[in-house]
Amino acid sequence: MSDILHRPRRLRRTENIRALVRETRLAPEDFILPLFACAGKKVRREIPSMPGVHNLSVDEIAKEAAGAGEIGVKGVILFGLPEAKDEVGSGAYHEKGIVQQAVRAIRSAAPDLVIVTDTCLCEYTSHGHCGVVRDGDVVNDESLDLLARTAVSQAEAGADVVAPSAMMDGQVGAIRAALDEAGFEHVVIMAYAVKYASAFYGPFREAADSAPAFGDRRAYQMDAANAREALREAELDHMEGADLLMVKPAMVYLDILKTLREQFDLPLAAYHVSGEYAMIKAAAQNGWIDEKRVMMETLTSIKRAGADIILTYFAREAVRALTG
């Protein structure tokens, strides 16, 4: 045995020592808070499968965003529940669409907050798919035109970042070209570059009323078994002009997140999705886990794997934990 006895526990003995040598650090600016905009006034409707998360009317979402900003959350991402849906998701790109209204209200209430808009059609189509449907199939190139219109409409409303999530081939390039042509060269594209066809989206689909009316989304979202394909998807979005890359979901795809971190020098985001949030909430409500500790451990693991930005329904709680 060596004369030198290595004792790693020396560096774990007190909280202050542990803090000095900590390798991964969360910060308030790491988080983006998802919010759901709906029609009406003074609407604050809790989503049963996502305790603490609400559908919010435009007046309420402005208050919610401003309140989050006041405690240190730096950004929000907006999803919309339109009053009416149609085959081509026209509410997604209407000048007075629900997300466009929410962007303007938040910009007025919290001018410095980073506003991200989810750029997709699924919440606005009567069939619940992310693009135009012809003869039972989602048509890729025709959908690109509508996604580009949606991005421009969101930029006109005041969005800082558009986040295309439809997983249509070529969507980032189409949106970049449309934004630039419309004079929005400054608007950032955060690409849902690696978005898996995941069962962890269940609570979100209740929140956004966006479940497909037929079939599923496995024909355009990624197969959960594939890792190498993630690199190809991310590279295509990078080449098409994405400013940020995202992996979704986060917790069960940390290996993918780490792989992308090693391959790309773009800022990297990860979406800690509704099902991942709901599992922690449900276990905590049953007294099986310490919610705050599990929340922070989970978010730390996402950052440790390589995320620069974490989209999470825990954004407010995490900021409070870090600053309180």
C-alpha atoms as a PDB file:
ATOM      1  CA  MET A   1       0.000   0.000   0.000  1.00  0.00           C
ATOM      2  CA  SER A   2       1.262   3.503  -0.819  1.00  0.00           C
ATOM      3  CA  ASP A   3       2.570   5.630   2.024  1.00  0.00           C
ATOM      4  CA  ILE A   4       0.084   8.312   0.906  1.00  0.00           C
ATOM      5  CA  LEU A   5      -3.482   7.572   1.875  1.00  0.00           C
ATOM      6  CA  HIS A   6      -5.883   9.350  -0.481  1.00  0.00           C
ATOM      7  CA  ARG A   7      -8.956  10.611   1.354  1.00  0.00           C
ATOM      8  CA  PRO A   8     -11.494  12.168  -1.037  1.00  0.00           C
ATOM      9  CA  ARG A   9     -13.777  12.723   1.958  1.00  0.00           C
ATOM     10  CA  ARG A  10     -11.571  15.644   3.027  1.00  0.00           C
ATOM     11  CA  LEU A  11     -13.202  17.693   0.284  1.00  0.00           C
ATOM     12  CA  ARG A  12     -16.723  16.732   1.402  1.00  0.00           C
ATOM     13  CA  ARG A  13     -16.393  17.466   5.108  1.00  0.00           C
ATOM     14  CA  THR A  14     -18.346  20.746   5.309  1.00  0.00           C
ATOM     15  CA  GLU A  15     -20.803  22.620   3.106  1.00  0.00           C
ATOM     16  CA  ASN A  16     -18.327  25.436   2.501  1.00  0.00           C
ATOM     17  CA  ILE A  17     -15.599  23.027   1.400  1.00  0.00           C
ATOM     18  CA  ARG A  18     -18.045  21.222  -0.875  1.00  0.00           C
ATOM     19  CA  ALA A  19     -19.043  24.561  -2.375  1.00  0.00           C
ATOM     20  CA  LEU A  20     -15.423  25.518  -3.040  1.00  0.00           C
ATOM     21  CA  VAL A  21     -14.735  22.406  -5.114  1.00  0.00           C
ATOM     22  CA  ARG A  22     -18.140  22.017  -6.767  1.00  0.00           C
ATOM     23  CA  GLU A  23     -17.746  21.273 -10.468  1.00  0.00           C
ATOM     24  CA  THR A  24     -21.234  22.124 -11.754  1.00  0.00           C
ATOM     25  CA  ARG A  25     -23.094  25.229 -10.628  1.00  0.00           C
ATOM     26  CA  LEU A  26     -26.644  26.242 -11.384  1.00  0.00           C
ATOM     27  CA  ALA A  27     -27.448  29.942 -11.712  1.00  0.00           C
ATOM     28  CA  PRO A  28     -30.730  31.881 -12.036  1.00  0.00           C
ATOM     29  CA  GLU A  29     -29.893  32.818 -15.627  1.00  0.00           C
ATOM     30  CA  ASP A  30     -29.857  29.144 -16.632  1.00  0.00           C
ATOM     31  CA  PHE A  31     -33.649  28.810 -16.692  1.00  0.00           C
ATOM     32  CA  ILE A  32     -36.526  29.511 -19.060  1.00  0.00           C
ATOM     33  CA  LEU A  33     -40.076  29.188 -17.715  1.00  0.00           C
ATOM     34  CA  PRO A  34     -42.766  27.684 -19.991  1.00  0.00           C
ATOM     35  CA  LEU A  35     -46.137  29.474 -19.876  1.00  0.00           C
ATOM     36  CA  PHE A  36     -49.499  28.632 -21.495  1.00  0.00           C
ATOM     37  CA  ALA A  37     -51.650  31.457 -22.878  1.00  0.00           C
ATOM     38  CA  CYS A  38     -55.410  31.066 -23.276  1.00  0.00           C
ATOM     39  CA  ALA A  39     -58.390  33.252 -24.149  1.00  0.00           C
ATOM     40  CA  GLY A  40     -60.432  35.262 -21.676  1.00  0.00           C
ATOM     41  CA  LYS A  41     -59.702  37.580 -18.789  1.00  0.00           C
ATOM     42  CA  LYS A  42     -58.558  36.789 -15.265  1.00  0.00           C
ATOM     43  CA  VAL A  43     -58.260  33.120 -16.211  1.00  0.00           C
ATOM     44  CA  ARG A  44     -55.904  31.079 -14.035  1.00  0.00           C
ATOM     45  CA  ARG A  45     -56.788  27.413 -14.556  1.00  0.00           C
ATOM     46  CA  GLU A  46     -54.524  24.847 -12.930  1.00  0.00           C
ATOM     47  CA  ILE A  47     -53.547  21.861 -15.072  1.00  0.00           C
ATOM     48  CA  PRO A  48     -54.420  18.728 -13.049  1.00  0.00           C
ATOM     49  CA  SER A  49     -51.446  16.667 -14.192  1.00  0.00           C
ATOM     50  CA  MET A  50     -49.003  19.539 -13.606  1.00  0.00           C
ATOM     51  CA  PRO A  51     -49.528  20.946 -10.108  1.00  0.00           C
ATOM     52  CA  GLY A  52     -48.509  24.593  -9.924  1.00  0.00           C
ATOM     53  CA  VAL A  53     -48.786  25.134 -13.699  1.00  0.00           C
ATOM     54  CA  HIS A  54     -51.749  27.034 -15.155  1.00  0.00           C
ATOM     55  CA  ASN A  55     -53.447  28.043 -18.358  1.00  0.00           C
ATOM     56  CA  LEU A  56     -53.369  31.835 -18.163  1.00  0.00           C
ATOM     57  CA  SER A  57     -55.306  34.536 -19.977  1.00  0.00           C
ATOM     58  CA  VAL A  58     -53.221  37.303 -21.534  1.00  0.00           C
ATOM     59  CA  ASP A  59     -53.637  39.655 -18.564  1.00  0.00           C
ATOM     60  CA  GLU A  60     -52.627  36.904 -16.144  1.00  0.00           C
ATOM     61  CA  ILE A  61     -49.706  35.660 -18.228  1.00  0.00           C
ATOM     62  CA  ALA A  62     -48.255  39.163 -18.265  1.00  0.00           C
ATOM     63  CA  LYS A  63     -48.428  39.253 -14.464  1.00  0.00           C
ATOM     64  CA  GLU A  64     -46.961  35.761 -14.206  1.00  0.00           C
ATOM     65  CA  ALA A  65     -44.054  36.588 -16.492  1.00  0.00           C
ATOM     66  CA  ALA A  66     -43.345  39.884 -14.760  1.00  0.00           C
ATOM     67  CA  GLY A  67     -43.431  38.180 -11.363  1.00  0.00           C
ATOM     68  CA  ALA A  68     -41.007  35.518 -12.553  1.00  0.00           C
ATOM     69  CA  GLY A  69     -38.702  38.215 -13.867  1.00  0.00           C
ATOM     70  CA  GLU A  70     -38.764  40.053 -10.556  1.00  0.00           C
ATOM     71  CA  ILE A  71     -37.397  37.019  -8.694  1.00  0.00           C
ATOM     72  CA  GLY A  72     -34.637  36.452 -11.246  1.00  0.00           C
ATOM     73  CA  VAL A  73     -35.998  34.268 -14.057  1.00  0.00           C
ATOM     74  CA  LYS A  74     -34.479  35.640 -17.260  1.00  0.00           C
ATOM     75  CA  GLY A  75     -36.768  34.173 -19.906  1.00  0.00           C
ATOM     76  CA  VAL A  76     -40.117  32.565 -20.714  1.00  0.00           C
ATOM     77  CA  ILE A  77     -41.292  30.352 -23.572  1.00  0.00           C
ATOM     78  CA  LEU A  78     -44.896  30.736 -24.689  1.00  0.00           C
ATOM     79  CA  PHE A  79     -47.432  28.166 -25.870  1.00  0.00           C
ATOM     80  CA  GLY A  80     -50.968  29.018 -26.996  1.00  0.00           C
ATOM     81  CA  LEU A  81     -54.460  27.625 -26.627  1.00  0.00           C
ATOM     82  CA  PRO A  82     -56.528  29.288 -29.372  1.00  0.00           C
ATOM     83  CA  GLU A  83     -60.284  29.743 -29.168  1.00  0.00           C
ATOM     84  CA  ALA A  84     -60.711  27.982 -32.522  1.00  0.00           C
ATOM     85  CA  LYS A  85     -58.673  25.503 -34.570  1.00  0.00           C
ATOM     86  CA  ASP A  86     -58.641  24.646 -38.256  1.00  0.00           C
ATOM     87  CA  GLU A  87     -56.926  22.318 -40.704  1.00  0.00           C
ATOM     88  CA  VAL A  88     -54.006  24.673 -41.354  1.00  0.00           C
ATOM     89  CA  GLY A  89     -53.457  26.079 -37.862  1.00  0.00           C
ATOM     90  CA  SER A  90     -54.154  29.676 -38.866  1.00  0.00           C
ATOM     91  CA  GLY A  91     -54.214  30.800 -35.242  1.00  0.00           C
ATOM     92  CA  ALA A  92     -50.479  30.167 -35.078  1.00  0.00           C
ATOM     93  CA  TYR A  93     -49.628  32.963 -37.507  1.00  0.00           C
ATOM     94  CA  HIS A  94     -52.552  35.375 -37.057  1.00  0.00           C
ATOM     95  CA  GLU A  95     -51.545  38.899 -36.070  1.00  0.00           C
ATOM     96  CA  LYS A  96     -53.923  38.682 -33.113  1.00  0.00           C
ATOM     97  CA  GLY A  97     -53.201  35.058 -32.263  1.00  0.00           C
ATOM     98  CA  ILE A  98     -53.117  34.159 -28.600  1.00  0.00           C
ATOM     99  CA  VAL A  99     -49.312  33.903 -28.428  1.00  0.00           C
ATOM    100  CA  GLN A 100     -48.870  37.146 -30.337  1.00  0.00           C
ATOM    101  CA  GLN A 101     -51.166  38.874 -27.826  1.00  0.00           C
ATOM    102  CA  ALA A 102     -49.226  37.319 -24.947  1.00  0.00           C
ATOM    103  CA  VAL A 103     -45.883  38.475 -26.376  1.00  0.00           C
ATOM    104  CA  ARG A 104     -47.085  42.075 -26.596  1.00  0.00           C
ATOM    105  CA  ALA A 105     -48.539  42.012 -23.084  1.00  0.00           C
ATOM    106  CA  ILE A 106     -45.386  40.519 -21.565  1.00  0.00           C
ATOM    107  CA  ARG A 107     -43.160  42.948 -23.443  1.00  0.00           C
ATOM    108  CA  SER A 108     -45.149  45.812 -21.913  1.00  0.00           C
ATOM    109  CA  ALA A 109     -45.147  44.334 -18.391  1.00  0.00           C
ATOM    110  CA  ALA A 110     -41.543  43.079 -18.368  1.00  0.00           C
ATOM    111  CA  PRO A 111     -39.503  44.854 -21.065  1.00  0.00           C
ATOM    112  CA  ASP A 112     -36.194  43.152 -20.277  1.00  0.00           C
ATOM    113  CA  LEU A 113     -37.472  39.580 -20.092  1.00  0.00           C
ATOM    114  CA  VAL A 114     -36.302  37.276 -22.898  1.00  0.00           C
ATOM    115  CA  ILE A 115     -39.432  36.107 -24.721  1.00  0.00           C
ATOM    116  CA  VAL A 116     -39.235  32.793 -26.593  1.00  0.00           C
ATOM    117  CA  THR A 117     -42.136  31.549 -28.693  1.00  0.00           C
ATOM    118  CA  ASP A 118     -42.772  27.928 -29.560  1.00  0.00           C
ATOM    119  CA  THR A 119     -43.092  27.863 -33.341  1.00  0.00           C
ATOM    120  CA  CYS A 120     -45.346  24.973 -34.280  1.00  0.00           C
ATOM    121  CA  LEU A 121     -48.849  24.253 -35.568  1.00  0.00           C
ATOM    122  CA  CYS A 122     -50.006  21.372 -33.355  1.00  0.00           C
ATOM    123  CA  GLU A 123     -51.788  23.555 -30.796  1.00  0.00           C
ATOM    124  CA  TYR A 124     -53.718  25.303 -33.583  1.00  0.00           C
ATOM    125  CA  THR A 125     -54.673  22.487 -35.965  1.00  0.00           C
ATOM    126  CA  SER A 126     -57.958  20.640 -35.662  1.00  0.00           C
ATOM    127  CA  HIS A 127     -56.120  17.350 -36.232  1.00  0.00           C
ATOM    128  CA  GLY A 128     -53.383  18.072 -33.662  1.00  0.00           C
ATOM    129  CA  HIS A 129     -50.432  17.410 -35.948  1.00  0.00           C
ATOM    130  CA  CYS A 130     -47.450  19.727 -36.366  1.00  0.00           C
ATOM    131  CA  GLY A 131     -47.971  20.404 -40.068  1.00  0.00           C
ATOM    132  CA  VAL A 132     -50.448  20.317 -42.919  1.00  0.00           C
ATOM    133  CA  VAL A 133     -52.179  16.946 -43.352  1.00  0.00           C
ATOM    134  CA  ARG A 134     -52.977  15.544 -46.789  1.00  0.00           C
ATOM    135  CA  ASP A 135     -54.530  12.074 -47.177  1.00  0.00           C
ATOM    136  CA  GLY A 136     -53.584  11.167 -43.635  1.00  0.00           C
ATOM    137  CA  ASP A 137     -49.918  12.220 -43.949  1.00  0.00           C
ATOM    138  CA  VAL A 138     -48.148  15.311 -42.633  1.00  0.00           C
ATOM    139  CA  VAL A 139     -46.858  17.146 -45.721  1.00  0.00           C
ATOM    140  CA  ASN A 140     -43.382  18.511 -45.076  1.00  0.00           C
ATOM    141  CA  ASP A 141     -42.713  21.310 -47.556  1.00  0.00           C
ATOM    142  CA  GLU A 142     -46.173  22.845 -47.488  1.00  0.00           C
ATOM    143  CA  SER A 143     -45.859  22.969 -43.715  1.00  0.00           C
ATOM    144  CA  LEU A 144     -42.600  24.927 -43.960  1.00  0.00           C
ATOM    145  CA  ASP A 145     -44.393  27.936 -45.430  1.00  0.00           C
ATOM    146  CA  LEU A 146     -46.807  28.065 -42.505  1.00  0.00           C
ATOM    147  CA  LEU A 147     -44.066  27.604 -39.914  1.00  0.00           C
ATOM    148  CA  ALA A 148     -42.125  30.460 -41.507  1.00  0.00           C
ATOM    149  CA  ARG A 149     -45.239  32.661 -41.418  1.00  0.00           C
ATOM    150  CA  THR A 150     -45.698  31.775 -37.774  1.00  0.00           C
ATOM    151  CA  ALA A 151     -42.112  32.735 -36.902  1.00  0.00           C
ATOM    152  CA  VAL A 152     -42.401  36.087 -38.694  1.00  0.00           C
ATOM    153  CA  SER A 153     -45.709  36.822 -36.962  1.00  0.00           C
ATOM    154  CA  GLN A 154     -44.156  36.054 -33.592  1.00  0.00           C
ATOM    155  CA  ALA A 155     -41.164  38.260 -34.375  1.00  0.00           C
ATOM    156  CA  GLU A 156     -43.484  41.093 -35.415  1.00  0.00           C
ATOM    157  CA  ALA A 157     -45.212  40.773 -32.033  1.00  0.00           C
ATOM    158  CA  GLY A 158     -41.856  41.234 -30.283  1.00  0.00           C
ATOM    159  CA  ALA A 159     -40.393  37.769 -29.674  1.00  0.00           C
ATOM    160  CA  ASP A 160     -36.649  37.698 -29.037  1.00  0.00           C
ATOM    161  CA  VAL A 161     -36.327  34.002 -29.885  1.00  0.00           C
ATOM    162  CA  VAL A 162     -38.416  31.678 -32.038  1.00  0.00           C
ATOM    163  CA  ALA A 163     -38.223  27.963 -31.279  1.00  0.00           C
ATOM    164  CA  PRO A 164     -39.352  25.717 -34.154  1.00  0.00           C
ATOM    165  CA  SER A 165     -40.529  22.406 -32.708  1.00  0.00           C
ATOM    166  CA  ALA A 166     -42.448  20.756 -35.549  1.00  0.00           C
ATOM    167  CA  MET A 167     -39.529  18.520 -36.644  1.00  0.00           C
ATOM    168  CA  MET A 168     -40.202  19.243 -40.303  1.00  0.00           C
ATOM    169  CA  ASP A 169     -37.136  18.761 -42.509  1.00  0.00           C
ATOM    170  CA  GLY A 170     -35.696  22.148 -43.477  1.00  0.00           C
ATOM    171  CA  GLN A 171     -37.746  24.159 -40.993  1.00  0.00           C
ATOM    172  CA  VAL A 172     -34.803  26.120 -39.565  1.00  0.00           C
ATOM    173  CA  GLY A 173     -33.582  27.200 -43.003  1.00  0.00           C
ATOM    174  CA  ALA A 174     -37.080  28.238 -44.097  1.00  0.00           C
ATOM    175  CA  ILE A 175     -37.627  30.243 -40.925  1.00  0.00           C
ATOM    176  CA  ARG A 176     -34.201  31.917 -41.079  1.00  0.00           C
ATOM    177  CA  ALA A 177     -34.798  32.993 -44.662  1.00  0.00           C
ATOM    178  CA  ALA A 178     -38.277  34.336 -43.857  1.00  0.00           C
ATOM    179  CA  LEU A 179     -37.096  36.227 -40.779  1.00  0.00           C
ATOM    180  CA  ASP A 180     -34.203  37.806 -42.646  1.00  0.00           C
ATOM    181  CA  GLU A 181     -36.402  38.787 -45.589  1.00  0.00           C
ATOM    182  CA  ALA A 182     -38.868  40.438 -43.185  1.00  0.00           C
ATOM    183  CA  GLY A 183     -36.118  42.440 -41.502  1.00  0.00           C
ATOM    184  CA  PHE A 184     -35.757  40.291 -38.381  1.00  0.00           C
ATOM    185  CA  GLU A 185     -32.103  39.322 -38.759  1.00  0.00           C
ATOM    186  CA  HIS A 186     -31.684  39.931 -35.009  1.00  0.00           C
ATOM    187  CA  VAL A 187     -34.264  37.323 -33.957  1.00  0.00           C
ATOM    188  CA  VAL A 188     -32.673  34.184 -32.536  1.00  0.00           C
ATOM    189  CA  ILE A 189     -33.626  30.660 -33.624  1.00  0.00           C
ATOM    190  CA  MET A 190     -33.562  28.057 -30.860  1.00  0.00           C
ATOM    191  CA  ALA A 191     -34.027  24.832 -32.778  1.00  0.00           C
ATOM    192  CA  TYR A 192     -35.702  21.810 -31.239  1.00  0.00           C
ATOM    193  CA  ALA A 193     -32.896  20.004 -33.026  1.00  0.00           C
ATOM    194  CA  VAL A 194     -33.261  16.686 -31.229  1.00  0.00           C
ATOM    195  CA  LYS A 195     -36.876  16.089 -30.276  1.00  0.00           C
ATOM    196  CA  TYR A 196     -37.839  12.533 -29.481  1.00  0.00           C
ATOM    197  CA  ALA A 197     -41.289  10.962 -29.883  1.00  0.00           C
ATOM    198  CA  SER A 198     -41.618  10.661 -26.129  1.00  0.00           C
ATOM    199  CA  ALA A 199     -44.296   9.402 -23.758  1.00  0.00           C
ATOM    200  CA  PHE A 200     -43.105  12.065 -21.315  1.00  0.00           C
ATOM    201  CA  TYR A 201     -45.107  14.734 -23.180  1.00  0.00           C
ATOM    202  CA  GLY A 202     -48.455  13.489 -21.852  1.00  0.00           C
ATOM    203  CA  PRO A 203     -49.211  16.252 -19.318  1.00  0.00           C
ATOM    204  CA  PHE A 204     -48.178  18.945 -21.819  1.00  0.00           C
ATOM    205  CA  ARG A 205     -50.723  17.683 -24.306  1.00  0.00           C
ATOM    206  CA  GLU A 206     -53.390  18.113 -21.650  1.00  0.00           C
ATOM    207  CA  ALA A 207     -52.086  21.600 -20.868  1.00  0.00           C
ATOM    208  CA  ALA A 208     -51.951  22.708 -24.514  1.00  0.00           C
ATOM    209  CA  ASP A 209     -54.860  20.589 -25.791  1.00  0.00           C
ATOM    210  CA  SER A 210     -52.547  19.354 -28.542  1.00  0.00           C
ATOM    211  CA  ALA A 211     -52.908  15.576 -28.674  1.00  0.00           C
ATOM    212  CA  PRO A 212     -53.177  14.252 -32.254  1.00  0.00           C
ATOM    213  CA  ALA A 213     -56.716  13.423 -33.331  1.00  0.00           C
ATOM    214  CA  PHE A 214     -55.388  10.353 -35.163  1.00  0.00           C
ATOM    215  CA  GLY A 215     -52.141   8.424 -35.215  1.00  0.00           C
ATOM    216  CA  ASP A 216     -49.074   9.813 -33.468  1.00  0.00           C
ATOM    217  CA  ARG A 217     -45.983  11.893 -34.240  1.00  0.00           C
ATOM    218  CA  ARG A 218     -43.455   9.114 -34.636  1.00  0.00           C
ATOM    219  CA  ALA A 219     -43.252   9.700 -38.387  1.00  0.00           C
ATOM    220  CA  TYR A 220     -41.515  13.034 -37.786  1.00  0.00           C
ATOM    221  CA  GLN A 221     -40.228  13.078 -34.196  1.00  0.00           C
ATOM    222  CA  MET A 222     -37.157  10.970 -33.418  1.00  0.00           C
ATOM    223  CA  ASP A 223     -37.156   7.326 -32.366  1.00  0.00           C
ATOM    224  CA  ALA A 224     -36.150   6.983 -28.721  1.00  0.00           C
ATOM    225  CA  ALA A 225     -33.675   4.223 -29.580  1.00  0.00           C
ATOM    226  CA  ASN A 226     -31.526   6.409 -31.851  1.00  0.00           C
ATOM    227  CA  ALA A 227     -28.431   8.319 -30.771  1.00  0.00           C
ATOM    228  CA  ARG A 228     -26.327   8.764 -33.915  1.00  0.00           C
ATOM    229  CA  GLU A 229     -29.332  10.249 -35.681  1.00  0.00           C
ATOM    230  CA  ALA A 230     -29.328  13.039 -33.086  1.00  0.00           C
ATOM    231  CA  LEU A 231     -25.985  14.246 -34.372  1.00  0.00           C
ATOM    232  CA  ARG A 232     -27.302  14.342 -37.928  1.00  0.00           C
ATOM    233  CA  GLU A 233     -30.406  16.289 -36.900  1.00  0.00           C
ATOM    234  CA  ALA A 234     -28.352  18.783 -34.899  1.00  0.00           C
ATOM    235  CA  GLU A 235     -25.827  19.242 -37.714  1.00  0.00           C
ATOM    236  CA  LEU A 236     -28.599  19.967 -40.222  1.00  0.00           C
ATOM    237  CA  ASP A 237     -30.121  22.641 -37.976  1.00  0.00           C
ATOM    238  CA  HIS A 238     -26.664  24.090 -37.369  1.00  0.00           C
ATOM    239  CA  MET A 239     -26.031  24.303 -41.121  1.00  0.00           C
ATOM    240  CA  GLU A 240     -29.444  25.898 -41.708  1.00  0.00           C
ATOM    241  CA  GLY A 241     -28.698  28.755 -39.317  1.00  0.00           C
ATOM    242  CA  ALA A 242     -29.814  27.738 -35.819  1.00  0.00           C
ATOM    243  CA  ASP A 243     -28.325  29.928 -33.094  1.00  0.00           C
ATOM    244  CA  LEU A 244     -29.158  27.516 -30.264  1.00  0.00           C
ATOM    245  CA  LEU A 245     -29.728  23.753 -30.255  1.00  0.00           C
ATOM    246  CA  MET A 246     -32.165  21.966 -27.970  1.00  0.00           C
ATOM    247  CA  VAL A 247     -32.578  18.391 -26.753  1.00  0.00           C
ATOM    248  CA  LYS A 248     -36.052  17.302 -25.659  1.00  0.00           C
ATOM    249  CA  PRO A 249     -36.786  15.585 -23.257  1.00  0.00           C
ATOM    250  CA  ALA A 250     -33.863  16.104 -20.887  1.00  0.00           C
ATOM    251  CA  MET A 251     -33.701  13.555 -18.059  1.00  0.00           C
ATOM    252  CA  VAL A 252     -33.802  10.323 -20.032  1.00  0.00           C
ATOM    253  CA  TYR A 253     -31.644  11.741 -22.847  1.00  0.00           C
ATOM    254  CA  LEU A 254     -28.670  13.016 -20.858  1.00  0.00           C
ATOM    255  CA  ASP A 255     -26.384  10.838 -22.982  1.00  0.00           C
ATOM    256  CA  ILE A 256     -27.626  12.674 -26.091  1.00  0.00           C
ATOM    257  CA  LEU A 257     -27.135  16.019 -24.397  1.00  0.00           C
ATOM    258  CA  LYS A 258     -23.559  15.129 -23.494  1.00  0.00           C
ATOM    259  CA  THR A 259     -22.822  13.913 -27.017  1.00  0.00           C
ATOM    260  CA  LEU A 260     -24.068  17.154 -28.550  1.00  0.00           C
ATOM    261  CA  ARG A 261     -22.059  19.165 -26.042  1.00  0.00           C
ATOM    262  CA  GLU A 262     -18.912  17.365 -27.195  1.00  0.00           C
ATOM    263  CA  GLN A 263     -19.679  17.887 -30.894  1.00  0.00           C
ATOM    264  CA  PHE A 264     -21.053  21.447 -31.135  1.00  0.00           C
ATOM    265  CA  ASP A 265     -19.899  24.807 -29.858  1.00  0.00           C
ATOM    266  CA  LEU A 266     -23.328  26.431 -30.121  1.00  0.00           C
ATOM    267  CA  PRO A 267     -25.201  27.170 -26.892  1.00  0.00           C
ATOM    268  CA  LEU A 268     -27.185  24.094 -25.915  1.00  0.00           C
ATOM    269  CA  ALA A 269     -30.628  23.961 -24.313  1.00  0.00           C
ATOM    270  CA  ALA A 270     -32.528  21.053 -22.778  1.00  0.00           C
ATOM    271  CA  TYR A 271     -36.262  20.868 -22.091  1.00  0.00           C
ATOM    272  CA  HIS A 272     -37.147  19.293 -18.743  1.00  0.00           C
ATOM    273  CA  VAL A 273     -40.569  18.281 -19.994  1.00  0.00           C
ATOM    274  CA  SER A 274     -44.005  17.990 -18.437  1.00  0.00           C
ATOM    275  CA  GLY A 275     -43.880  14.274 -17.631  1.00  0.00           C
ATOM    276  CA  GLU A 276     -40.518  14.655 -15.936  1.00  0.00           C
ATOM    277  CA  TYR A 277     -41.904  17.529 -13.879  1.00  0.00           C
ATOM    278  CA  ALA A 278     -45.127  15.673 -13.075  1.00  0.00           C
ATOM    279  CA  MET A 279     -43.283  12.592 -11.790  1.00  0.00           C
ATOM    280  CA  ILE A 280     -41.341  14.657  -9.279  1.00  0.00           C
ATOM    281  CA  LYS A 281     -44.480  16.501  -8.186  1.00  0.00           C
ATOM    282  CA  ALA A 282     -46.496  13.294  -7.785  1.00  0.00           C
ATOM    283  CA  ALA A 283     -43.795  11.527  -5.769  1.00  0.00           C
ATOM    284  CA  ALA A 284     -43.347  14.574  -3.560  1.00  0.00           C
ATOM    285  CA  GLN A 285     -47.079  14.878  -2.928  1.00  0.00           C
ATOM    286  CA  ASN A 286     -47.077  11.263  -1.764  1.00  0.00           C
ATOM    287  CA  GLY A 287     -44.227  11.998   0.630  1.00  0.00           C
ATOM    288  CA  TRP A 288     -41.862   9.626  -1.164  1.00  0.00           C
ATOM    289  CA  ILE A 289     -39.156  12.175  -2.008  1.00  0.00           C
ATOM    290  CA  ASP A 290     -37.863  15.586  -0.909  1.00  0.00           C
ATOM    291  CA  GLU A 291     -39.170  17.745  -3.774  1.00  0.00           C
ATOM    292  CA  LYS A 292     -36.636  20.571  -3.475  1.00  0.00           C
ATOM    293  CA  ARG A 293     -33.616  18.270  -3.285  1.00  0.00           C
ATOM    294  CA  VAL A 294     -34.795  16.065  -6.166  1.00  0.00           C
ATOM    295  CA  MET A 295     -35.587  19.161  -8.247  1.00  0.00           C
ATOM    296  CA  MET A 296     -32.122  20.618  -7.728  1.00  0.00           C
ATOM    297  CA  GLU A 297     -30.377  17.280  -8.251  1.00  0.00           C
ATOM    298  CA  THR A 298     -32.272  16.768 -11.491  1.00  0.00           C
ATOM    299  CA  LEU A 299     -31.532  20.251 -12.827  1.00  0.00           C
ATOM    300  CA  THR A 300     -27.879  19.900 -11.838  1.00  0.00           C
ATOM    301  CA  SER A 301     -27.647  16.636 -13.783  1.00  0.00           C
ATOM    302  CA  ILE A 302     -29.003  18.375 -16.883  1.00  0.00           C
ATOM    303  CA  LYS A 303     -26.442  21.155 -16.611  1.00  0.00           C
ATOM    304  CA  ARG A 304     -23.655  18.682 -15.800  1.00  0.00           C
ATOM    305  CA  ALA A 305     -24.465  16.814 -19.024  1.00  0.00           C
ATOM    306  CA  GLY A 306     -23.863  20.000 -20.992  1.00  0.00           C
ATOM    307  CA  ALA A 307     -26.932  22.247 -21.065  1.00  0.00           C
ATOM    308  CA  ASP A 308     -26.340  25.993 -21.010  1.00  0.00           C
ATOM    309  CA  ILE A 309     -30.085  26.664 -20.815  1.00  0.00           C
ATOM    310  CA  ILE A 310     -32.769  24.590 -19.095  1.00  0.00           C
ATOM    311  CA  LEU A 311     -36.435  24.981 -19.968  1.00  0.00           C
ATOM    312  CA  THR A 312     -38.295  23.834 -16.877  1.00  0.00           C
ATOM    313  CA  TYR A 313     -41.592  24.289 -15.057  1.00  0.00           C
ATOM    314  CA  PHE A 314     -39.459  24.462 -11.907  1.00  0.00           C
ATOM    315  CA  ALA A 315     -37.756  27.685 -13.054  1.00  0.00           C
ATOM    316  CA  ARG A 316     -39.230  29.876 -10.302  1.00  0.00           C
ATOM    317  CA  GLU A 317     -38.635  27.328  -7.554  1.00  0.00           C
ATOM    318  CA  ALA A 318     -35.071  26.762  -8.734  1.00  0.00           C
ATOM    319  CA  VAL A 319     -34.287  30.471  -8.750  1.00  0.00           C
ATOM    320  CA  ARG A 320     -35.724  30.838  -5.257  1.00  0.00           C
ATOM    321  CA  ALA A 321     -33.631  27.905  -4.054  1.00  0.00           C
ATOM    322  CA  LEU A 322     -30.497  29.497  -5.496  1.00  0.00           C
ATOM    323  CA  THR A 323     -31.126  33.026  -4.238  1.00  0.00           C
ATOM    324  CA  GLY A 324     -33.176  32.527  -1.063  1.00  0.00           C
END
